């Protein structure tokens, strides 16, 4: 924290530059409303630009047109520029539309500013209890004396026995409203900090991916040394405290039983009168699903690094084969040049131009040829009753939208049937949409068909006529 270090940090760190920006209130308020409040991670450029245009319109009505003269798109590109570093602009695989995400530095700045706001009260008891609990965990977890551990376990068991006796006697201690609100504030803050941790871990792996691409582009040595260096850096990140903690957290969260307990526990806490008095954000009840989405995004970043290494190996193999072909063509060219004036002396002798190796397993079995019979006659039909408009009235089913309906239904339950998905998201284009659902289920490794049970699917077509289809039961699971 010396003067030179702080001066450099003030000049280079994106979080500090954000606090010093001319339009810092606009930038911070918009990014908080677009990303932090809804727990959003990746937003498409079109939707984000539309939100910013609405905010700029409101501010210009109050402060005048000259206050914010640039367009929403210009502001977003400027905030994502390298000299700012407040947003990350990128193109996801398979998409030609730019997407944006917060950088870890921006999230730190927003979190610090939020801590400056006046809270209803500052809870100290729950944090003091947390300090004591962590202290006891560290002492118990590092104790090597067997007798000391046994004494600690016996004392904890005696305390539990006394608590059981008091409850059996009807002495039930209820946490007061102040303690409930204090612990809920600490729970909410810790849960939201986890999302920021995901962005930091993803940023580390993304930086490793960028460095690997740069090394691959400029590498001139052997493949083995390059791969050893890249995998060494990846293992170094995975073996850090942050990497190990993220891996343990991800394995803990992926348990369906723990996900169910989290959902039930959050729903029960939100029913408490003391918590309702805080007017909590209802989206916090689904915070663990936001953790899953953030973790999946981090895992996809690691997968991109693996694909980059695979492409490097394929490219190197192609270059080696290309070099071999160049050598062969060079030899052929030299031979053609010597064809008119061959050397008189014998340079070398060869019994056969190739090795005569014939393996028994290389001999294929006999397969009789297939002669398909093709009927080439085409009958001329009556076209008077054919409506050519039917060729232009084709239905288009958005497969990605249907897959999103399945994921939305599975957010609050471990599995769901196709009937439950359609009940939440009714069919819009009828039978074609139902067939697409069945196609998705047939290609999904987590979906199954129950032939022993059948379900009825109801919908109304474009003419207002009710339709019914009976299909075998389809079950989707997370």
Protein backbone atom coordinates (compact mmCIF):
# COMPACT_ATOMS: atom_id res chain seq x y z
CA UNK A 1 0.00 0.00 0.00
CA UNK A 2 2.86 2.41 -0.71
CA UNK A 3 2.49 5.58 -2.79
CA UNK A 4 3.96 4.18 -6.02
CA UNK A 5 1.83 1.04 -5.94
CA UNK A 6 -1.35 2.99 -5.26
CA UNK A 7 -0.56 5.46 -8.05
CA UNK A 8 -0.13 2.61 -10.51
CA UNK A 9 -3.29 0.91 -9.22
CA UNK A 10 -5.26 4.13 -9.64
CA UNK A 11 -4.04 4.46 -13.22
CA UNK A 12 -4.41 0.83 -14.38
CA UNK A 13 -7.03 -1.00 -12.32
CA UNK A 14 -10.47 -1.04 -14.05
CA UNK A 15 -12.38 -0.81 -10.74
CA UNK A 16 -10.59 2.38 -9.71
CA UNK A 17 -10.95 3.85 -13.20
CA UNK A 18 -14.68 3.13 -13.03
CA UNK A 19 -15.05 5.12 -9.81
CA UNK A 20 -13.20 8.05 -11.45
CA UNK A 21 -15.18 7.95 -14.72
CA UNK A 22 -17.10 11.06 -15.81
CA UNK A 23 -20.38 9.13 -16.12
CA UNK A 24 -19.74 6.76 -13.20
CA UNK A 25 -23.32 7.09 -11.80
CA UNK A 26 -24.77 6.15 -15.21
CA UNK A 27 -22.38 3.23 -15.73
CA UNK A 28 -22.70 1.80 -12.23
CA UNK A 29 -26.48 2.16 -11.94
CA UNK A 30 -27.04 0.58 -15.34
CA UNK A 31 -24.67 -2.35 -14.84
CA UNK A 32 -26.12 -3.02 -11.40
CA UNK A 33 -29.67 -3.06 -12.77
CA UNK A 34 -28.77 -5.16 -15.81
CA UNK A 35 -26.44 -7.76 -14.26
CA UNK A 36 -26.29 -7.70 -10.44
CA UNK A 37 -29.92 -7.29 -9.45
CA UNK A 38 -31.33 -10.03 -11.76
CA UNK A 39 -28.25 -12.26 -11.18
CA UNK A 40 -27.61 -12.27 -14.94
CA UNK A 41 -24.26 -13.34 -16.37
CA UNK A 42 -24.32 -13.15 -20.16
CA UNK A 43 -26.62 -10.75 -22.05
CA UNK A 44 -27.02 -10.32 -25.80
CA UNK A 45 -26.07 -6.97 -27.29
CA UNK A 46 -29.55 -6.23 -28.65
CA UNK A 47 -31.31 -6.63 -25.31
CA UNK A 48 -28.61 -4.80 -23.35
CA UNK A 49 -28.57 -1.91 -25.82
CA UNK A 50 -32.36 -1.62 -25.57
CA UNK A 51 -32.18 -1.37 -21.77
CA UNK A 52 -29.50 1.31 -21.96
CA UNK A 53 -31.48 3.31 -24.53
CA UNK A 54 -34.48 3.37 -22.18
CA UNK A 55 -32.30 4.62 -19.32
CA UNK A 56 -30.65 7.27 -21.50
CA UNK A 57 -34.06 8.49 -22.67
CA UNK A 58 -35.18 8.97 -19.06
CA UNK A 59 -31.96 10.76 -18.06
CA UNK A 60 -32.07 13.07 -21.09
CA UNK A 61 -35.60 14.08 -20.18
CA UNK A 62 -34.24 15.30 -16.84
CA UNK A 63 -30.69 16.49 -17.60
CA UNK A 64 -30.99 17.49 -21.26
CA UNK A 65 -29.71 15.99 -24.51
CA UNK A 66 -26.17 17.31 -24.00
CA UNK A 67 -25.69 15.34 -20.78
CA UNK A 68 -25.39 12.00 -22.61
CA UNK A 69 -24.81 12.74 -26.32
CA UNK A 70 -23.64 9.29 -27.47
CA UNK A 71 -25.75 6.32 -28.51
CA UNK A 72 -26.28 3.24 -26.35
CA UNK A 73 -24.17 1.08 -28.67
CA UNK A 74 -21.26 3.53 -28.49
CA UNK A 75 -21.39 3.54 -24.70
CA UNK A 76 -21.37 -0.28 -24.51
CA UNK A 77 -18.44 -0.59 -26.92
CA UNK A 78 -16.55 2.09 -25.00
CA UNK A 79 -17.11 0.33 -21.65
CA UNK A 80 -15.89 -2.95 -23.17
CA UNK A 81 -12.76 -1.36 -24.68
CA UNK A 82 -9.38 -2.52 -23.38
CA UNK A 83 -8.55 0.83 -21.80
CA UNK A 84 -11.77 0.63 -19.74
CA UNK A 85 -12.26 -3.09 -19.02
CA UNK A 86 -15.68 -2.74 -17.34
CA UNK A 87 -17.48 -5.14 -19.68
CA UNK A 88 -16.34 -8.22 -21.57
CA UNK A 89 -17.56 -8.33 -25.17
CA UNK A 90 -17.37 -11.66 -26.97
CA UNK A 91 -19.13 -13.88 -29.50
CA UNK A 92 -20.32 -17.24 -28.11
CA UNK A 93 -19.75 -20.33 -30.28
CA UNK A 94 -22.45 -20.65 -32.92
CA UNK A 95 -23.68 -17.05 -32.58
CA UNK A 96 -22.99 -14.03 -34.77
CA UNK A 97 -24.36 -11.57 -32.18
CA UNK A 98 -22.08 -9.97 -29.61
CA UNK A 99 -22.70 -10.74 -25.93
CA UNK A 100 -21.59 -8.90 -22.79
CA UNK A 101 -20.65 -9.90 -19.28
CA UNK A 102 -19.29 -8.05 -16.25
CA UNK A 103 -15.60 -8.25 -15.47
CA UNK A 104 -14.50 -9.24 -11.94
CA UNK A 105 -13.05 -5.75 -11.39
CA UNK A 106 -16.41 -4.10 -12.15
CA UNK A 107 -18.22 -6.45 -9.79
CA UNK A 108 -15.76 -5.58 -7.03
CA UNK A 109 -16.43 -1.87 -7.54
CA UNK A 110 -20.19 -2.40 -7.47
CA UNK A 111 -19.96 -4.54 -4.34
CA UNK A 112 -17.85 -1.91 -2.56
CA UNK A 113 -20.31 0.87 -3.44
CA UNK A 114 -23.21 -1.24 -2.23
CA UNK A 115 -21.43 -1.65 1.12
CA UNK A 116 -21.44 2.17 1.49
CA UNK A 117 -25.24 2.35 1.51
CA UNK A 118 -26.94 2.63 4.88
CA UNK A 119 -28.30 -0.73 5.98
CA UNK A 120 -31.29 -1.12 8.29
CA UNK A 121 -28.94 -2.35 11.01
CA UNK A 122 -25.47 -3.80 11.31
CA UNK A 123 -25.58 -7.32 12.66
CA UNK A 124 -22.67 -8.35 14.84
CA UNK A 125 -23.89 -11.37 16.79
CA UNK A 126 -24.15 -13.72 13.81
CA UNK A 127 -20.72 -12.71 12.52
CA UNK A 128 -19.21 -13.17 15.97
CA UNK A 129 -20.74 -16.64 16.14
CA UNK A 130 -19.32 -17.36 12.69
CA UNK A 131 -15.85 -16.33 13.90
CA UNK A 132 -16.09 -18.66 16.88
CA UNK A 133 -17.44 -21.52 14.74
CA UNK A 134 -14.62 -21.14 12.20
CA UNK A 135 -12.07 -20.94 14.99
CA UNK A 136 -13.37 -24.15 16.56
CA UNK A 137 -13.40 -25.90 13.18
CA UNK A 138 -9.77 -24.98 12.57
CA UNK A 139 -8.69 -26.10 16.04
CA UNK A 140 -10.61 -29.39 15.80
CA UNK A 141 -9.51 -30.02 12.22
CA UNK A 142 -5.80 -29.59 13.01
CA UNK A 143 -5.74 -31.38 16.37
CA UNK A 144 -3.51 -34.48 16.18
CA UNK A 145 -3.87 -35.63 19.82
CA UNK A 146 -6.39 -38.50 19.97
CA UNK A 147 -7.46 -37.84 23.55
CA UNK A 148 -8.03 -34.14 22.88
CA UNK A 149 -10.29 -34.99 19.94
CA UNK A 150 -12.24 -37.50 22.03
CA UNK A 151 -12.72 -34.92 24.81
CA UNK A 152 -14.03 -32.39 22.29
CA UNK A 153 -16.46 -34.92 20.78
CA UNK A 154 -17.71 -35.98 24.24
CA UNK A 155 -18.30 -32.36 25.24
CA UNK A 156 -20.28 -31.69 22.06
CA UNK A 157 -22.32 -34.84 22.60
CA UNK A 158 -23.07 -33.78 26.20
CA UNK A 159 -24.24 -30.38 24.95
CA UNK A 160 -26.52 -32.06 22.39
CA UNK A 161 -27.91 -34.37 25.11
CA UNK A 162 -28.71 -31.36 27.31
CA UNK A 163 -30.45 -29.65 24.40
CA UNK A 164 -32.51 -32.79 23.71
CA UNK A 165 -33.52 -32.96 27.38
CA UNK A 166 -34.68 -29.32 27.36
CA UNK A 167 -36.74 -29.86 24.20
CA UNK A 168 -38.31 -33.00 25.67
CA UNK A 169 -39.22 -30.98 28.76
CA UNK A 170 -40.95 -28.39 26.58
CA UNK A 171 -38.24 -25.72 26.82
CA UNK A 172 -37.89 -24.74 23.15
CA UNK A 173 -35.75 -21.64 22.50
CA UNK A 174 -37.04 -19.63 19.54
CA UNK A 175 -34.77 -17.23 17.66
CA UNK A 176 -36.10 -13.67 17.96
CA UNK A 177 -36.92 -11.47 14.96
CA UNK A 178 -33.71 -9.44 15.22
CA UNK A 179 -31.54 -12.56 15.10
CA UNK A 180 -33.55 -13.87 12.12
CA UNK A 181 -33.09 -10.65 10.12
CA UNK A 182 -29.41 -10.45 11.02
CA UNK A 183 -28.69 -13.99 9.83
CA UNK A 184 -30.74 -13.51 6.67
CA UNK A 185 -28.67 -10.45 5.76
CA UNK A 186 -25.47 -12.42 6.26
CA UNK A 187 -26.90 -15.34 4.26
CA UNK A 188 -27.92 -13.07 1.38
CA UNK A 189 -24.58 -11.26 1.24
CA UNK A 190 -22.56 -14.48 1.30
CA UNK A 191 -24.72 -16.07 -1.40
CA UNK A 192 -24.27 -13.11 -3.75
CA UNK A 193 -20.52 -13.01 -3.11
CA UNK A 194 -20.33 -16.56 -4.45
CA UNK A 195 -21.45 -15.35 -7.89
CA UNK A 196 -18.58 -12.84 -7.89
CA UNK A 197 -16.18 -15.66 -7.01
CA UNK A 198 -17.39 -17.59 -10.06
CA UNK A 199 -16.56 -14.64 -12.32
CA UNK A 200 -13.05 -14.44 -10.86
CA UNK A 201 -12.39 -18.16 -11.34
CA UNK A 202 -13.73 -17.99 -14.91
CA UNK A 203 -11.52 -14.96 -15.57
CA UNK A 204 -8.46 -16.94 -14.44
CA UNK A 205 -9.22 -19.83 -16.79
CA UNK A 206 -10.05 -17.40 -19.61
CA UNK A 207 -6.68 -15.70 -19.11
CA UNK A 208 -5.02 -19.11 -19.28
CA UNK A 209 -6.90 -19.83 -22.52
CA UNK A 210 -5.71 -16.53 -24.02
CA UNK A 211 -2.10 -17.20 -23.02
CA UNK A 212 -2.30 -20.72 -24.48
CA UNK A 213 -3.51 -19.31 -27.82
CA UNK A 214 -0.64 -16.82 -27.88
CA UNK A 215 1.91 -19.53 -27.09
CA UNK A 216 0.51 -21.83 -29.76
CA UNK A 217 0.63 -19.08 -32.37
CA UNK A 218 4.28 -18.19 -31.72
CA UNK A 219 5.58 -21.64 -30.74
CA UNK A 220 8.44 -23.06 -32.78
CA UNK A 221 9.61 -25.93 -30.57
CA UNK A 222 8.28 -29.44 -30.05
CA UNK A 223 4.67 -30.22 -29.24
CA UNK A 224 5.62 -32.10 -26.09
CA UNK A 225 7.31 -29.11 -24.44
CA UNK A 226 4.43 -26.79 -25.30
CA UNK A 227 1.79 -29.17 -23.95
CA UNK A 228 3.85 -29.74 -20.81
CA UNK A 229 4.03 -26.00 -20.22
CA UNK A 230 0.31 -25.36 -20.87
CA UNK A 231 -0.90 -28.28 -18.76
CA UNK A 232 1.48 -27.25 -16.02
CA UNK A 233 -0.10 -23.78 -15.89
CA UNK A 234 -3.61 -25.29 -15.92
CA UNK A 235 -2.72 -27.61 -13.05
CA UNK A 236 -1.17 -24.70 -11.20
CA UNK A 237 -4.49 -22.83 -11.31
CA UNK A 238 -6.49 -25.93 -10.39
CA UNK A 239 -4.14 -26.61 -7.44
CA UNK A 240 -4.39 -23.11 -5.99
CA UNK A 241 -6.59 -22.46 -2.97
CA UNK A 242 -9.16 -20.83 -5.23
CA UNK A 243 -9.16 -23.73 -7.69
CA UNK A 244 -9.47 -26.39 -4.99
CA UNK A 245 -12.23 -24.47 -3.26
CA UNK A 246 -14.14 -24.08 -6.52
CA UNK A 247 -13.84 -27.80 -7.29
CA UNK A 248 -15.05 -28.77 -3.81
CA UNK A 249 -17.92 -26.27 -4.03
CA UNK A 250 -18.97 -27.57 -7.46
CA UNK A 251 -18.97 -31.19 -6.31
CA UNK A 252 -21.00 -30.23 -3.22
CA UNK A 253 -23.56 -28.27 -5.23
CA UNK A 254 -24.03 -30.94 -7.91
CA UNK A 255 -25.69 -33.28 -5.38
CA UNK A 256 -29.45 -33.45 -6.16
CA UNK A 257 -30.18 -34.05 -2.46
CA UNK A 258 -28.39 -30.85 -1.43
CA UNK A 259 -30.13 -28.89 -4.19
CA UNK A 260 -33.48 -30.10 -2.90
CA UNK A 261 -32.55 -29.16 0.68
CA UNK A 262 -31.48 -25.71 -0.47
CA UNK A 263 -34.77 -25.14 -2.29
CA UNK A 264 -36.84 -26.29 0.68
CA UNK A 265 -34.75 -24.34 3.17
CA UNK A 266 -34.93 -21.07 1.22
CA UNK A 267 -38.68 -21.44 0.73
CA UNK A 268 -39.16 -21.99 4.47
CA UNK A 269 -36.97 -19.01 5.41
CA UNK A 270 -38.91 -16.70 3.08
CA UNK A 271 -42.11 -17.59 4.96
CA UNK A 272 -40.77 -16.12 8.23
CA UNK A 273 -42.42 -12.84 9.24
CA UNK A 274 -39.08 -11.31 10.26
CA UNK A 275 -37.62 -12.02 6.83
CA UNK A 276 -40.73 -10.73 5.05
CA UNK A 277 -40.33 -7.42 6.88
CA UNK A 278 -37.01 -6.93 5.04
CA UNK A 279 -38.87 -7.16 1.70
CA UNK A 280 -36.32 -9.60 0.24
CA UNK A 281 -35.92 -10.12 -3.48
CA UNK A 282 -37.97 -13.18 -4.47
CA UNK A 283 -35.27 -14.16 -6.98
CA UNK A 284 -33.00 -14.98 -4.06
CA UNK A 285 -35.01 -18.17 -3.55
CA UNK A 286 -33.46 -19.44 -6.79
CA UNK A 287 -29.91 -18.31 -6.04
CA UNK A 288 -28.57 -21.88 -6.14
CA UNK A 289 -29.75 -22.21 -9.76
CA UNK A 290 -27.77 -19.04 -10.54
CA UNK A 291 -24.76 -20.77 -8.96
CA UNK A 292 -25.29 -23.73 -11.28
CA UNK A 293 -25.47 -21.49 -14.37
CA UNK A 294 -22.32 -19.64 -13.29
CA UNK A 295 -20.49 -22.90 -12.62
CA UNK A 296 -21.50 -24.31 -16.00
CA UNK A 297 -20.15 -21.18 -17.69
CA UNK A 298 -16.82 -21.70 -15.92
CA UNK A 299 -16.74 -25.35 -16.96
CA UNK A 300 -17.40 -24.36 -20.58
CA UNK A 301 -14.39 -22.02 -20.45
CA UNK A 302 -12.21 -24.95 -19.37
CA UNK A 303 -13.70 -27.07 -22.18
CA UNK A 304 -12.76 -24.39 -24.74
CA UNK A 305 -9.17 -24.60 -23.54
CA UNK A 306 -9.19 -28.37 -24.16
CA UNK A 307 -10.65 -27.89 -27.66
CA UNK A 308 -7.95 -25.31 -28.43
CA UNK A 309 -5.24 -27.81 -27.52
CA UNK A 310 -6.90 -30.47 -29.68
CA UNK A 311 -6.97 -28.13 -32.67
CA UNK A 312 -3.30 -27.38 -32.09
CA UNK A 313 -2.45 -31.09 -32.25
CA UNK A 314 -4.50 -31.52 -35.42
CA UNK A 315 -2.83 -28.50 -37.05
CA UNK A 316 0.62 -29.76 -36.15
CA UNK A 317 -0.16 -33.18 -37.65
CA UNK A 318 -1.33 -31.48 -40.85
CA UNK A 319 1.89 -29.43 -41.03
CA UNK A 320 4.03 -32.53 -40.53
CA UNK A 321 2.19 -34.37 -43.29
CA UNK A 322 2.53 -31.34 -45.52
CA UNK A 323 6.30 -31.30 -44.92
CA UNK A 324 6.56 -35.00 -45.82
CA UNK A 325 4.67 -34.38 -49.07
CA UNK A 326 7.00 -31.49 -49.90
CA UNK A 327 10.03 -33.76 -49.44
CA UNK A 328 8.49 -36.44 -51.66
CA UNK A 329 7.69 -33.89 -54.38
CA UNK A 330 11.26 -32.59 -54.16
CA UNK A 331 12.62 -36.08 -54.71
CA UNK A 332 10.28 -36.63 -57.65
CA UNK A 333 11.38 -33.33 -59.19
CA UNK A 334 15.05 -34.27 -58.88
CA UNK A 335 14.35 -37.66 -60.46
CA UNK A 336 12.59 -36.05 -63.43
CA UNK A 337 15.54 -33.71 -63.90
CA UNK A 338 17.91 -36.68 -64.09
CA UNK A 339 15.70 -38.74 -66.41
CA UNK A 340 17.35 -37.48 -69.61
CA UNK A 341 20.90 -37.95 -68.30
CA UNK A 342 20.83 -40.74 -65.72
CA UNK A 343 24.02 -41.42 -63.75
CA UNK A 344 26.15 -44.28 -65.12
CA UNK A 345 27.12 -45.79 -61.79
CA UNK A 346 24.66 -47.85 -59.78
CA UNK A 347 23.54 -45.78 -56.84
CA UNK A 348 21.42 -48.37 -55.03
CA UNK A 349 19.50 -51.57 -55.59
CA UNK A 350 16.07 -52.59 -54.33
CA UNK A 351 14.52 -56.04 -54.60
CA UNK A 352 10.96 -54.74 -54.48
CA UNK A 353 9.44 -51.27 -54.38
CA UNK A 354 7.29 -52.29 -51.42
CA UNK A 355 7.24 -54.80 -48.59
CA UNK A 356 5.18 -57.89 -49.36
CA UNK A 357 3.16 -58.14 -46.14
CA UNK A 358 -0.18 -59.96 -46.33
CA UNK A 359 -2.08 -60.50 -43.09
CA UNK A 360 -4.91 -63.00 -42.89
CA UNK A 361 -7.16 -60.60 -40.97
CA UNK A 362 -6.85 -58.06 -43.78
CA UNK A 363 -8.73 -60.29 -46.22
CA UNK A 364 -12.36 -59.12 -46.31
CA UNK A 365 -15.31 -61.50 -46.23
CA UNK A 366 -17.37 -61.98 -49.36
CA UNK A 367 -20.38 -59.69 -49.63
CA UNK A 368 -22.90 -60.31 -52.41
CA UNK A 369 -23.62 -57.15 -54.40
CA UNK A 370 -26.94 -55.45 -53.80
CA UNK A 371 -28.99 -54.53 -56.83
CA UNK A 372 -31.73 -52.16 -55.73
CA UNK A 373 -34.88 -52.06 -57.81
CA UNK A 374 -35.92 -48.50 -58.57
CA UNK A 375 -39.38 -47.75 -59.93
CA UNK A 376 -38.88 -44.88 -62.35
CA UNK A 377 -42.49 -44.60 -63.54
CA UNK A 378 -44.31 -41.51 -62.28
CA UNK A 379 -48.09 -41.37 -62.58
CA UNK A 380 -49.67 -38.13 -63.65
CA UNK A 381 -52.29 -37.02 -61.11
CA UNK A 382 -55.11 -34.52 -61.05
CA UNK A 383 -53.83 -31.12 -59.92
CA UNK A 384 -57.19 -29.36 -59.92
CA UNK A 385 -57.83 -29.98 -56.18
CA UNK A 386 -54.30 -29.11 -55.04
CA UNK A 387 -53.92 -25.80 -53.18
CA UNK A 388 -50.44 -24.36 -53.93
CA UNK A 389 -50.73 -21.99 -50.95
CA UNK A 390 -49.93 -24.93 -48.69
CA UNK A 391 -46.31 -24.76 -49.91
CA UNK A 392 -45.98 -21.29 -48.39
CA UNK A 393 -47.86 -21.91 -45.12
CA UNK A 394 -45.15 -23.98 -43.48
CA UNK A 395 -44.76 -24.07 -39.72
CA UNK A 396 -41.37 -23.34 -38.15
CA UNK A 397 -40.70 -24.77 -34.70
CA UNK A 398 -37.99 -23.09 -32.63
CA UNK A 399 -36.10 -26.03 -31.14
CA UNK A 400 -34.02 -23.85 -28.82
CA UNK A 401 -37.18 -22.33 -27.36
CA UNK A 402 -38.54 -25.80 -26.54
CA UNK A 403 -35.24 -26.82 -24.94
CA UNK A 404 -35.46 -23.66 -22.84
CA UNK A 405 -38.97 -24.69 -21.70
CA UNK A 406 -37.58 -28.05 -20.54
CA UNK A 407 -34.74 -26.39 -18.61
CA UNK A 408 -37.15 -23.91 -17.03
CA UNK A 409 -39.42 -26.72 -15.81
CA UNK A 410 -36.45 -28.64 -14.36
CA UNK A 411 -35.17 -25.66 -12.38
CA UNK A 412 -37.38 -26.37 -9.34
CA UNK A 413 -37.56 -30.16 -9.56
CA UNK A 414 -35.19 -33.04 -10.29
CA UNK A 415 -37.36 -34.49 -13.08
CA UNK A 416 -40.45 -33.64 -15.09
CA UNK A 417 -42.66 -35.37 -17.63
CA UNK A 418 -43.44 -34.00 -21.08
CA UNK A 419 -47.03 -33.42 -19.98
CA UNK A 420 -45.80 -31.21 -17.12
CA UNK A 421 -43.57 -29.24 -19.49
CA UNK A 422 -46.49 -28.62 -21.88
CA UNK A 423 -48.78 -27.76 -18.98
CA UNK A 424 -46.40 -24.95 -17.96
CA UNK A 425 -45.64 -23.93 -21.57
CA UNK A 426 -48.68 -24.80 -23.77
CA UNK A 427 -48.18 -25.82 -27.38
CA UNK A 428 -48.28 -22.91 -29.84
CA UNK A 429 -48.08 -24.65 -33.21
CA UNK A 430 -49.75 -27.93 -32.33
CA UNK A 431 -48.60 -31.35 -33.46
CA UNK A 432 -45.36 -30.14 -35.07
CA UNK A 433 -44.21 -28.76 -31.72
CA UNK A 434 -45.13 -32.02 -29.95
CA UNK A 435 -43.11 -34.03 -32.47
CA UNK A 436 -40.13 -31.71 -31.87
CA UNK A 437 -40.37 -32.36 -28.13
CA UNK A 438 -40.23 -36.12 -28.86
CA UNK A 439 -37.21 -35.58 -31.13
CA UNK A 440 -35.41 -33.67 -28.34
CA UNK A 441 -36.17 -36.47 -25.87
CA UNK A 442 -34.84 -39.13 -28.23
CA UNK A 443 -31.50 -37.29 -28.54
CA UNK A 444 -31.16 -36.33 -24.85
CA UNK A 445 -29.13 -38.74 -22.73
CA UNK A 446 -31.00 -37.59 -19.61
CA UNK A 447 -34.47 -38.29 -21.05
CA UNK A 448 -36.28 -41.63 -20.98
CA UNK A 449 -39.45 -43.19 -22.43
CA UNK A 450 -41.80 -45.23 -20.20
CA UNK A 451 -43.66 -47.68 -22.45
CA UNK A 452 -45.78 -48.97 -19.56
CA UNK A 453 -47.63 -45.68 -19.06
CA UNK A 454 -49.29 -43.29 -21.49
CA UNK A 455 -50.16 -39.61 -21.19
CA UNK A 456 -52.71 -37.37 -22.89
CA UNK A 457 -51.58 -34.09 -24.48
CA UNK A 458 -54.27 -31.47 -25.18
CA UNK A 459 -54.05 -28.35 -27.34
CA UNK A 460 -56.20 -26.10 -29.51
CA UNK A 461 -55.38 -25.63 -33.20
CA UNK A 462 -55.59 -22.44 -35.23
CA UNK A 463 -59.28 -23.05 -36.01
CA UNK A 464 -60.20 -23.28 -32.32
CA UNK A 465 -60.71 -27.04 -32.43
CA UNK A 466 -59.49 -29.04 -29.43
CA UNK A 467 -56.95 -31.76 -30.21
CA UNK A 468 -55.81 -34.77 -28.19
CA UNK A 469 -52.76 -36.99 -28.57
CA UNK A 470 -51.95 -40.07 -26.49
CA UNK A 471 -48.24 -40.86 -26.27
CA UNK A 472 -45.98 -42.96 -24.11
CA UNK A 473 -44.73 -41.20 -21.01
CA UNK A 474 -41.57 -39.08 -21.56
CA UNK A 475 -39.45 -38.16 -18.51
CA UNK A 476 -36.78 -35.42 -18.52
CA UNK A 477 -34.17 -35.28 -15.73
CA UNK A 478 -31.47 -32.79 -14.79
